[in-house]
Amino acid sequence: MYGCGTEVRNAAVDSLCELAAHSATFARQSQDFLVDMFNDEIEAVRLNAINSLRKICHHFLLREDQLDIMLSVLKVACFDTVGWVI
């Protein structure tokens, strides 16, 4: 997905979320992609991935490595936004 335009990445995240909302199997298969999108350089894509994962998280449990990625991205975002160091 990297190298594609912001609109394309957001559309891909939205499509995955819509499909995953109707299939627990697809939700589990797409969770790695959505967590990976937390590392996108565009904030709108990162926020879309967070919101999409929130919508479908009732289908699965997050793994520790996924939580580590999420936490590190949130730490960077928190520091970039307000200068906090966690």
Protein backbone atom coordinates (compact mmCIF):
# COMPACT_ATOMS: atom_id res chain seq x y z
CA MET A 1 0.00 0.00 0.00
CA TYR A 2 2.91 2.36 0.50
CA GLY A 3 3.50 4.51 -2.53
CA CYS A 4 -0.22 4.72 -3.31
CA GLY A 5 -2.11 7.96 -2.84
CA THR A 6 -3.81 8.83 0.43
CA GLU A 7 -7.26 8.35 -1.10
CA VAL A 8 -6.33 4.86 -2.31
CA ARG A 9 -4.98 3.80 1.09
CA ASN A 10 -8.02 5.20 2.89
CA ALA A 11 -10.34 3.45 0.43
CA ALA A 12 -8.51 0.17 1.01
CA VAL A 13 -8.83 0.55 4.79
CA ASP A 14 -12.53 1.41 4.45
CA SER A 15 -13.17 -1.57 2.18
CA LEU A 16 -11.40 -3.96 4.54
CA CYS A 17 -13.42 -2.61 7.44
CA GLU A 18 -16.73 -3.02 5.62
CA LEU A 19 -15.94 -6.59 4.58
CA ALA A 20 -14.54 -7.49 8.00
CA ALA A 21 -17.66 -6.19 9.74
CA HIS A 22 -19.59 -9.03 8.10
CA SER A 23 -17.06 -11.84 8.49
CA ALA A 24 -15.11 -12.79 11.60
CA THR A 25 -12.69 -14.83 9.48
CA PHE A 26 -11.97 -11.89 7.20
CA ALA A 27 -11.62 -9.60 10.21
CA ARG A 28 -8.94 -11.84 11.70
CA GLN A 29 -7.16 -12.03 8.35
CA SER A 30 -7.17 -8.26 7.87
CA GLN A 31 -6.11 -7.21 11.36
CA ASP A 32 -2.36 -7.36 10.55
CA PHE A 33 -2.88 -5.04 7.59
CA LEU A 34 -4.87 -2.56 9.66
CA VAL A 35 -2.28 -2.55 12.46
CA ASP A 36 0.44 -2.06 9.84
CA MET A 37 -1.42 0.98 8.54
CA PHE A 38 -0.81 2.61 11.95
CA ASN A 39 2.71 3.23 10.59
CA ASP A 40 1.50 5.15 7.53
CA GLU A 41 3.11 8.55 7.02
CA ILE A 42 -0.27 10.23 6.56
CA GLU A 43 -2.14 10.99 9.79
CA ALA A 44 -5.57 10.63 8.14
CA VAL A 45 -4.71 7.07 7.09
CA ARG A 46 -3.45 6.21 10.57
CA LEU A 47 -6.63 7.59 12.16
CA ASN A 48 -8.78 5.70 9.66
CA ALA A 49 -6.94 2.47 10.48
CA ILE A 50 -7.45 3.04 14.22
CA ASN A 51 -11.14 3.76 13.75
CA SER A 52 -11.59 0.78 11.43
CA LEU A 53 -9.86 -1.57 13.85
CA ARG A 54 -12.12 -0.27 16.61
CA LYS A 55 -15.19 -1.09 14.53
CA ILE A 56 -14.21 -4.73 13.98
CA CYS A 57 -12.25 -5.59 17.13
CA HIS A 58 -15.13 -7.64 18.53
CA HIS A 59 -14.14 -10.34 16.01
CA PHE A 60 -10.65 -11.00 17.43
CA LEU A 61 -8.10 -10.42 20.17
CA LEU A 62 -5.05 -8.33 19.45
CA ARG A 63 -1.69 -10.05 19.76
CA GLU A 64 1.10 -8.65 21.88
CA ASP A 65 3.20 -7.69 18.83
CA GLN A 66 0.23 -5.76 17.41
CA LEU A 67 -0.28 -3.94 20.69
CA ASP A 68 3.43 -3.06 20.71
CA ILE A 69 3.10 -1.49 17.25
CA MET A 70 0.02 0.44 18.30
CA LEU A 71 1.64 1.68 21.49
CA SER A 72 4.82 2.83 19.74
CA VAL A 73 2.80 4.74 17.12
CA LEU A 74 0.68 6.36 19.82
CA LYS A 75 3.81 7.36 21.75
CA VAL A 76 5.25 9.06 18.68
CA ALA A 77 1.95 10.77 17.92
CA CYS A 78 1.65 11.97 21.51
CA PHE A 79 5.17 13.39 21.45
CA ASP A 80 4.67 15.01 18.04
CA THR A 81 1.37 16.56 19.11
CA VAL A 82 2.10 17.94 22.56
CA GLY A 83 5.74 17.14 23.26
CA TRP A 84 4.94 14.54 25.90
CA VAL A 85 7.38 11.72 26.47
CA ILE A 86 5.76 8.49 27.64
